[in-house]
PDB file of N, CA and C in Angstrom:
ATOM      1  N   MET A   1      -6.022   8.470  -4.697  1.00  0.00           N
ATOM      2  CA  MET A   1      -5.496   8.272  -3.497  1.00  0.00           C
ATOM      3  C   MET A   1      -4.154   8.922  -3.906  1.00  0.00           C
ATOM      4  N   VAL A   2      -3.655   8.664  -4.996  1.00  0.00           N
ATOM      5  CA  VAL A   2      -2.256   9.558  -5.319  1.00  0.00           C
ATOM      6  C   VAL A   2      -2.185  10.736  -5.067  1.00  0.00           C
ATOM      7  N   ALA A   3      -3.724  11.755  -5.946  1.00  0.00           N
ATOM      8  CA  ALA A   3      -3.201  13.438  -5.657  1.00  0.00           C
ATOM      9  C   ALA A   3      -3.504  13.613  -4.275  1.00  0.00           C
ATOM     10  N   VAL A   4      -4.262  12.894  -3.773  1.00  0.00           N
ATOM     11  CA  VAL A   4      -4.669  13.818  -2.077  1.00  0.00           C
ATOM     12  C   VAL A   4      -3.011  13.246  -1.187  1.00  0.00           C
ATOM     13  N   LEU A   5      -2.104  12.053  -1.165  1.00  0.00           N
ATOM     14  CA  LEU A   5      -0.993  12.253  -0.689  1.00  0.00           C
ATOM     15  C   LEU A   5      -0.015  13.157  -1.318  1.00  0.00           C
ATOM     16  N   THR A   6      -0.078  13.566  -2.118  1.00  0.00           N
ATOM     17  CA  THR A   6       0.764  14.703  -2.806  1.00  0.00           C
ATOM     18  C   THR A   6       0.874  15.450  -2.321  1.00  0.00           C
ATOM     19  N   TRP A   7      -1.183  16.198  -2.128  1.00  0.00           N
ATOM     20  CA  TRP A   7      -1.263  17.498  -2.186  1.00  0.00           C
ATOM     21  C   TRP A   7      -0.798  16.974  -0.409  1.00  0.00           C
ATOM     22  N   ALA A   8      -0.746  16.042   0.473  1.00  0.00           N
ATOM     23  CA  ALA A   8      -0.925  16.168   1.715  1.00  0.00           C
ATOM     24  C   ALA A   8       0.831  15.951   2.220  1.00  0.00           C
ATOM     25  N   SER A   9       1.488  15.718   1.478  1.00  0.00           N
ATOM     26  CA  SER A   9       3.442  15.515   1.117  1.00  0.00           C
ATOM     27  C   SER A   9       4.234  16.703   0.893  1.00  0.00           C
ATOM     28  N   HIS A  10       2.945  17.405   0.082  1.00  0.00           N
ATOM     29  CA  HIS A  10       4.045  19.198  -0.098  1.00  0.00           C
ATOM     30  C   HIS A  10       3.198  19.934   0.425  1.00  0.00           C
ATOM     31  N   ARG A  11       1.995  19.902   1.346  1.00  0.00           N
ATOM     32  CA  ARG A  11       1.472  20.939   1.845  1.00  0.00           C
ATOM     33  C   ARG A  11       2.575  22.085   3.039  1.00  0.00           C
ATOM     34  N   PRO A  12       2.665  23.233   3.542  1.00  0.00           N
ATOM     35  CA  PRO A  12       3.415  23.845   4.038  1.00  0.00           C
ATOM     36  C   PRO A  12       3.212  23.690   5.735  1.00  0.00           C
ATOM     37  N   GLU A  13       3.643  22.695   6.382  1.00  0.00           N
ATOM     38  CA  GLU A  13       3.788  22.919   7.658  1.00  0.00           C
ATOM     39  C   GLU A  13       3.584  24.419   8.891  1.00  0.00           C
ATOM     40  N   SER A  14       2.500  24.368   9.349  1.00  0.00           N
ATOM     41  CA  SER A  14       2.407  25.699  10.040  1.00  0.00           C
ATOM     42  C   SER A  14       3.362  25.469  11.564  1.00  0.00           C
ATOM     43  N   PRO A  15       3.944  26.540  11.902  1.00  0.00           N
ATOM     44  CA  PRO A  15       4.570  26.461  13.327  1.00  0.00           C
ATOM     45  C   PRO A  15       3.417  25.801  14.413  1.00  0.00           C
ATOM     46  N   GLY A  16       4.548  25.204  15.083  1.00  0.00           N
ATOM     47  CA  GLY A  16       3.960  24.224  16.224  1.00  0.00           C
ATOM     48  C   GLY A  16       2.667  23.117  15.610  1.00  0.00           C
ATOM     49  N   SER A  17       2.825  23.146  14.347  1.00  0.00           N
ATOM     50  CA  SER A  17       1.835  22.090  14.087  1.00  0.00           C
ATOM     51  C   SER A  17       2.506  20.613  14.524  1.00  0.00           C
ATOM     52  N   ILE A  18       1.917  19.795  14.663  1.00  0.00           N
ATOM     53  CA  ILE A  18       2.256  18.294  15.084  1.00  0.00           C
ATOM     54  C   ILE A  18       1.865  17.358  13.796  1.00  0.00           C
ATOM     55  N   LEU A  19       1.275  18.059  12.801  1.00  0.00           N
ATOM     56  CA  LEU A  19       1.751  17.290  11.878  1.00  0.00           C
ATOM     57  C   LEU A  19       2.695  16.670  11.181  1.00  0.00           C
ATOM     58  N   GLY A  20       2.963  15.753  10.551  1.00  0.00           N
ATOM     59  CA  GLY A  20       4.161  15.583   9.787  1.00  0.00           C
ATOM     60  C   GLY A  20       3.675  15.076   8.324  1.00  0.00           C
ATOM     61  N   PRO A  21       4.858  14.440   7.772  1.00  0.00           N
ATOM     62  CA  PRO A  21       4.295  13.550   6.654  1.00  0.00           C
ATOM     63  C   PRO A  21       3.210  12.789   6.752  1.00  0.00           C
ATOM     64  N   PRO A  22       2.591  12.430   5.687  1.00  0.00           N
ATOM     65  CA  PRO A  22       1.290  11.767   5.868  1.00  0.00           C
ATOM     66  C   PRO A  22       1.672  10.216   5.907  1.00  0.00           C
ATOM     67  N   ALA A  23       0.448   9.689   6.588  1.00  0.00           N
ATOM     68  CA  ALA A  23       1.167   7.911   6.707  1.00  0.00           C
ATOM     69  C   ALA A  23      -0.394   7.312   6.045  1.00  0.00           C
ATOM     70  N   ILE A  24       0.035   6.471   5.453  1.00  0.00           N
ATOM     71  CA  ILE A  24      -1.316   5.135   4.670  1.00  0.00           C
ATOM     72  C   ILE A  24      -0.946   4.085   5.204  1.00  0.00           C
ATOM     73  N   ALA A  25      -2.431   2.948   5.350  1.00  0.00           N
ATOM     74  CA  ALA A  25      -2.742   1.926   5.438  1.00  0.00           C
ATOM     75  C   ALA A  25      -3.659   1.447   4.249  1.00  0.00           C
ATOM     76  N   GLY A  26      -3.422  -0.211   4.170  1.00  0.00           N
ATOM     77  CA  GLY A  26      -4.470  -0.630   3.547  1.00  0.00           C
ATOM     78  C   GLY A  26      -4.585  -2.069   3.618  1.00  0.00           C
ATOM     79  N   ASP A  27      -5.535  -3.110   3.888  1.00  0.00           N
ATOM     80  CA  ASP A  27      -5.826  -4.175   4.345  1.00  0.00           C
ATOM     81  C   ASP A  27      -6.114  -4.974   2.970  1.00  0.00           C
ATOM     82  N   SER A  28      -5.460  -6.356   2.900  1.00  0.00           N
ATOM     83  CA  SER A  28      -5.866  -6.997   1.593  1.00  0.00           C
ATOM     84  C   SER A  28      -5.491  -6.329  -0.232  1.00  0.00           C
ATOM     85  N   THR A  29      -6.606  -5.991  -0.337  1.00  0.00           N
ATOM     86  CA  THR A  29      -6.487  -5.131  -2.109  1.00  0.00           C
ATOM     87  C   THR A  29      -5.833  -3.954  -1.343  1.00  0.00           C
ATOM     88  N   GLY A  30      -6.347  -2.952  -0.632  1.00  0.00           N
ATOM     89  CA  GLY A  30      -6.201  -2.212   0.117  1.00  0.00           C
ATOM     90  C   GLY A  30      -4.414  -1.368  -0.090  1.00  0.00           C
ATOM     91  N   GLY A  31      -4.118  -2.738   0.432  1.00  0.00           N
ATOM     92  CA  GLY A  31      -2.717  -2.759   0.483  1.00  0.00           C
ATOM     93  C   GLY A  31      -1.836  -2.878  -0.678  1.00  0.00           C
ATOM     94  N   LEU A  32      -2.385  -3.443  -1.289  1.00  0.00           N
ATOM     95  CA  LEU A  32      -2.014  -3.690  -2.719  1.00  0.00           C
ATOM     96  C   LEU A  32      -1.668  -2.084  -3.761  1.00  0.00           C
ATOM     97  N   ILE A  33      -2.993  -1.421  -3.309  1.00  0.00           N
ATOM     98  CA  ILE A  33      -2.891  -0.091  -3.571  1.00  0.00           C
ATOM     99  C   ILE A  33      -2.336   0.573  -3.058  1.00  0.00           C
ATOM    100  N   ALA A  34      -2.080   0.715  -1.437  1.00  0.00           N
ATOM    101  CA  ALA A  34      -1.324   1.411  -0.788  1.00  0.00           C
ATOM    102  C   ALA A  34       0.255   1.842  -1.310  1.00  0.00           C
ATOM    103  N   VAL A  35       0.657   0.476  -1.859  1.00  0.00           N
ATOM    104  CA  VAL A  35       1.903   0.353  -2.336  1.00  0.00           C
ATOM    105  C   VAL A  35       2.106   0.892  -3.550  1.00  0.00           C
ATOM    106  N   MET A  36       1.444   1.092  -4.182  1.00  0.00           N
ATOM    107  CA  MET A  36       1.499   1.338  -5.381  1.00  0.00           C
ATOM    108  C   MET A  36       1.192   3.064  -5.321  1.00  0.00           C
ATOM    109  N   ALA A  37       0.799   3.469  -4.943  1.00  0.00           N
ATOM    110  CA  ALA A  37       0.008   4.883  -4.477  1.00  0.00           C
ATOM    111  C   ALA A  37       1.477   5.596  -4.232  1.00  0.00           C
ATOM    112  N   THR A  38       1.628   4.574  -2.634  1.00  0.00           N
ATOM    113  CA  THR A  38       3.429   5.311  -2.064  1.00  0.00           C
ATOM    114  C   THR A  38       4.541   5.339  -2.964  1.00  0.00           C
ATOM    115  N   ASN A  39       4.667   4.429  -3.730  1.00  0.00           N
ATOM    116  CA  ASN A  39       5.575   4.380  -4.715  1.00  0.00           C
ATOM    117  C   ASN A  39       5.626   5.463  -5.900  1.00  0.00           C
ATOM    118  N   GLN A  40       4.473   5.698  -6.215  1.00  0.00           N
ATOM    119  CA  GLN A  40       4.168   6.787  -7.051  1.00  0.00           C
ATOM    120  C   GLN A  40       4.038   8.079  -6.780  1.00  0.00           C
ATOM    121  N   VAL A  41       4.207   8.703  -5.074  1.00  0.00           N
ATOM    122  CA  VAL A  41       4.333   9.436  -4.870  1.00  0.00           C
ATOM    123  C   VAL A  41       5.507  10.070  -4.164  1.00  0.00           C
ATOM    124  N   MET A  42       6.421   8.441  -3.914  1.00  0.00           N
ATOM    125  CA  MET A  42       8.206   8.917  -3.360  1.00  0.00           C
ATOM    126  C   MET A  42       8.510   8.974  -4.767  1.00  0.00           C
ATOM    127  N   SER A  43       8.200   8.608  -5.533  1.00  0.00           N
ATOM    128  CA  SER A  43       8.905   8.939  -6.994  1.00  0.00           C
ATOM    129  C   SER A  43       9.174  10.548  -7.424  1.00  0.00           C
ATOM    130  N   THR A  44       8.155  11.138  -6.923  1.00  0.00           N
ATOM    131  CA  THR A  44       8.583  12.432  -6.979  1.00  0.00           C
ATOM    132  C   THR A  44       8.862  13.305  -6.324  1.00  0.00           C
ATOM    133  N   GLY A  45       9.882  12.424  -4.822  1.00  0.00           N
ATOM    134  CA  GLY A  45      10.661  13.157  -4.273  1.00  0.00           C
ATOM    135  C   GLY A  45       9.694  13.810  -2.739  1.00  0.00           C
ATOM    136  N   ALA A  46       8.494  13.292  -2.876  1.00  0.00           N
ATOM    137  CA  ALA A  46       7.801  13.393  -1.779  1.00  0.00           C
ATOM    138  C   ALA A  46       7.890  12.570  -0.324  1.00  0.00           C
ATOM    139  N   ARG A  47       8.088  13.795   0.864  1.00  0.00           N
ATOM    140  CA  ARG A  47       8.055  12.767   2.129  1.00  0.00           C
ATOM    141  C   ARG A  47       6.778  11.835   2.545  1.00  0.00           C
ATOM    142  N   LEU A  48       7.013  10.563   3.042  1.00  0.00           N
ATOM    143  CA  LEU A  48       5.665   9.825   3.723  1.00  0.00           C
ATOM    144  C   LEU A  48       6.352   9.060   4.843  1.00  0.00           C
ATOM    145  N   ARG A  49       5.507   8.948   6.246  1.00  0.00           N
ATOM    146  CA  ARG A  49       5.386   8.644   6.375  1.00  0.00           C
ATOM    147  C   ARG A  49       5.798   6.852   6.654  1.00  0.00           C
ATOM    148  N   PRO A  50       5.934   6.011   7.451  1.00  0.00           N
ATOM    149  CA  PRO A  50       5.949   4.837   7.048  1.00  0.00           C
ATOM    150  C   PRO A  50       4.537   4.006   6.863  1.00  0.00           C
ATOM    151  N   ILE A  51       4.041   3.172   5.756  1.00  0.00           N
ATOM    152  CA  ILE A  51       2.956   2.885   5.685  1.00  0.00           C
ATOM    153  C   ILE A  51       2.806   1.246   6.462  1.00  0.00           C
ATOM    154  N   LEU A  52       1.079   1.345   6.752  1.00  0.00           N
ATOM    155  CA  LEU A  52       1.199  -0.367   7.372  1.00  0.00           C
ATOM    156  C   LEU A  52       0.564  -1.166   6.379  1.00  0.00           C
ATOM    157  N   LEU A  53       0.723  -2.145   6.461  1.00  0.00           N
ATOM    158  CA  LEU A  53       0.206  -3.015   5.443  1.00  0.00           C
ATOM    159  C   LEU A  53      -0.404  -4.089   5.853  1.00  0.00           C
ATOM    160  N   VAL A  54      -1.923  -4.762   6.078  1.00  0.00           N
ATOM    161  CA  VAL A  54      -2.187  -5.827   6.700  1.00  0.00           C
ATOM    162  C   VAL A  54      -2.245  -6.817   5.482  1.00  0.00           C
ATOM    163  N   CYS A  55      -1.875  -8.000   4.907  1.00  0.00           N
ATOM    164  CA  CYS A  55      -2.517  -9.122   4.289  1.00  0.00           C
ATOM    165  C   CYS A  55      -2.249  -8.459   3.364  1.00  0.00           C
ATOM    166  N   PRO A  56      -1.312  -7.609   2.617  1.00  0.00           N
ATOM    167  CA  PRO A  56      -1.245  -6.945   1.516  1.00  0.00           C
ATOM    168  C   PRO A  56      -0.912  -8.220  -0.093  1.00  0.00           C
ATOM    169  N   ASN A  57      -2.069  -8.072  -1.078  1.00  0.00           N
ATOM    170  CA  ASN A  57      -2.140  -8.538  -1.819  1.00  0.00           C
ATOM    171  C   ASN A  57      -1.360  -8.287  -2.772  1.00  0.00           C
ATOM    172  N   THR A  58      -0.071  -8.248  -3.094  1.00  0.00           N
ATOM    173  CA  THR A  58       1.226  -7.885  -3.692  1.00  0.00           C
ATOM    174  C   THR A  58       1.580  -9.030  -4.874  1.00  0.00           C
ATOM    175  N   ASP A  59       1.065 -10.191  -4.957  1.00  0.00           N
ATOM    176  CA  ASP A  59       1.265 -11.072  -6.112  1.00  0.00           C
ATOM    177  C   ASP A  59       0.121 -10.847  -6.908  1.00  0.00           C
ATOM    178  N   LEU A  60      -0.288 -10.108  -8.001  1.00  0.00           N
ATOM    179  CA  LEU A  60      -0.883 -10.889  -9.003  1.00  0.00           C
ATOM    180  C   LEU A  60      -1.008 -11.622  -9.624  1.00  0.00           C
ATOM    181  N   THR A  61       0.633 -12.016  -9.708  1.00  0.00           N
ATOM    182  CA  THR A  61       0.508 -13.144 -10.827  1.00  0.00           C
ATOM    183  C   THR A  61       0.504 -14.442 -10.764  1.00  0.00           C
ATOM    184  N   LEU A  62       0.244 -14.839  -8.857  1.00  0.00           N
ATOM    185  CA  LEU A  62      -0.277 -15.679  -8.326  1.00  0.00           C
ATOM    186  C   LEU A  62       0.605 -16.911  -8.692  1.00  0.00           C
ATOM    187  N   SER A  63       2.394 -16.382  -8.858  1.00  0.00           N
ATOM    188  CA  SER A  63       3.509 -17.464  -9.391  1.00  0.00           C
ATOM    189  C   SER A  63       3.836 -17.754  -7.783  1.00  0.00           C
ATOM    190  N   GLN A  64       3.817 -17.058  -6.252  1.00  0.00           N
ATOM    191  CA  GLN A  64       4.872 -17.853  -5.384  1.00  0.00           C
ATOM    192  C   GLN A  64       4.350 -18.848  -5.360  1.00  0.00           C
ATOM    193  N   PRO A  65       5.280 -19.603  -4.656  1.00  0.00           N
ATOM    194  CA  PRO A  65       5.470 -21.276  -4.184  1.00  0.00           C
ATOM    195  C   PRO A  65       4.275 -21.284  -3.241  1.00  0.00           C
ATOM    196  N   SER A  66       3.526 -20.118  -2.521  1.00  0.00           N
ATOM    197  CA  SER A  66       3.334 -20.444  -1.257  1.00  0.00           C
ATOM    198  C   SER A  66       1.159 -20.707  -2.203  1.00  0.00           C
ATOM    199  N   VAL A  67       1.614 -20.047  -3.252  1.00  0.00           N
ATOM    200  CA  VAL A  67      -0.282 -20.523  -4.014  1.00  0.00           C
ATOM    201  C   VAL A  67      -0.147 -21.863  -4.278  1.00  0.00           C
ATOM    202  N   ALA A  68       1.010 -22.461  -4.451  1.00  0.00           N
ATOM    203  CA  ALA A  68       0.640 -23.857  -5.031  1.00  0.00           C
ATOM    204  C   ALA A  68       0.654 -25.048  -3.657  1.00  0.00           C
ATOM    205  N   LEU A  69       1.009 -24.298  -2.677  1.00  0.00           N
ATOM    206  CA  LEU A  69       1.304 -24.926  -1.255  1.00  0.00           C
ATOM    207  C   LEU A  69      -0.347 -25.140  -0.530  1.00  0.00           C
ATOM    208  N   LYS A  70      -0.735 -24.159  -1.058  1.00  0.00           N
ATOM    209  CA  LYS A  70      -2.227 -23.242  -0.302  1.00  0.00           C
ATOM    210  C   LYS A  70      -3.383 -24.081  -0.722  1.00  0.00           C
ATOM    211  N   GLU A  71      -2.790 -24.488  -2.484  1.00  0.00           N
ATOM    212  CA  GLU A  71      -4.208 -24.461  -3.117  1.00  0.00           C
ATOM    213  C   GLU A  71      -5.286 -23.803  -3.302  1.00  0.00           C
ATOM    214  N   SER A  72      -6.184 -24.068  -2.017  1.00  0.00           N
ATOM    215  CA  SER A  72      -7.516 -23.436  -1.962  1.00  0.00           C
ATOM    216  C   SER A  72      -7.429 -23.262  -0.700  1.00  0.00           C
ATOM    217  N   GLY A  73      -8.832 -22.516  -0.189  1.00  0.00           N
ATOM    218  CA  GLY A  73      -8.765 -22.154   1.377  1.00  0.00           C
ATOM    219  C   GLY A  73     -10.198 -20.791   1.419  1.00  0.00           C
ATOM    220  N   TRP A  74     -10.132 -20.610   2.790  1.00  0.00           N
ATOM    221  CA  TRP A  74     -11.106 -19.692   2.995  1.00  0.00           C
ATOM    222  C   TRP A  74     -10.648 -18.064   1.961  1.00  0.00           C
ATOM    223  N   ALA A  75      -9.776 -17.657   1.976  1.00  0.00           N
ATOM    224  CA  ALA A  75      -9.308 -16.817   0.890  1.00  0.00           C
ATOM    225  C   ALA A  75      -9.046 -16.602  -0.197  1.00  0.00           C
ATOM    226  N   ARG A  76      -9.230 -18.285  -0.923  1.00  0.00           N
ATOM    227  CA  ARG A  76      -8.844 -18.432  -2.022  1.00  0.00           C
ATOM    228  C   ARG A  76      -9.954 -19.764  -2.475  1.00  0.00           C
ATOM    229  N   PRO A  77     -11.292 -19.567  -2.727  1.00  0.00           N
ATOM    230  CA  PRO A  77     -11.533 -20.917  -2.664  1.00  0.00           C
ATOM    231  C   PRO A  77     -11.682 -21.673  -4.148  1.00  0.00           C
ATOM    232  N   TRP A  78     -10.940 -21.114  -5.031  1.00  0.00           N
ATOM    233  CA  TRP A  78     -10.526 -21.646  -6.151  1.00  0.00           C
ATOM    234  C   TRP A  78      -9.276 -22.217  -6.542  1.00  0.00           C
ATOM    235  N   PRO A  79      -9.217 -23.759  -7.326  1.00  0.00           N
ATOM    236  CA  PRO A  79      -7.720 -24.618  -7.569  1.00  0.00           C
ATOM    237  C   PRO A  79      -7.112 -23.581  -8.456  1.00  0.00           C
ATOM    238  N   VAL A  80      -5.479 -23.559  -8.358  1.00  0.00           N
ATOM    239  CA  VAL A  80      -4.791 -23.286  -9.207  1.00  0.00           C
ATOM    240  C   VAL A  80      -4.962 -24.035 -10.327  1.00  0.00           C
ATOM    241  N   SER A  81      -4.925 -23.926 -11.401  1.00  0.00           N
ATOM    242  CA  SER A  81      -4.499 -24.539 -12.676  1.00  0.00           C
ATOM    243  C   SER A  81      -2.888 -24.374 -13.195  1.00  0.00           C
TER     244      SER A  81
END
C-alpha cells in the first residue's frame, strides 16, 4: 500500500487532468493500515487527500477507558483481563 500511495502521489499530472493527490480509506483494521500507510507516505513530503476512516482500530494496546467500559460485545467477545 505504501508503494502504491508513494507512486500515485509523485506521478506527474497531465494538463487538463481531473486527478489530484490520491485518497485512501479503510474500515476497522483497514483504517489502522490506512493511517499507518498515510503517515509513512506523508513523512516523505508526498501530498495526499484526506483519508476516510470508518471505525479504525487505532488502540492496539487496549488501554483506553472504553475497553474496560464495554468489556465485551459483538465486536469484542472476549473479556478484558
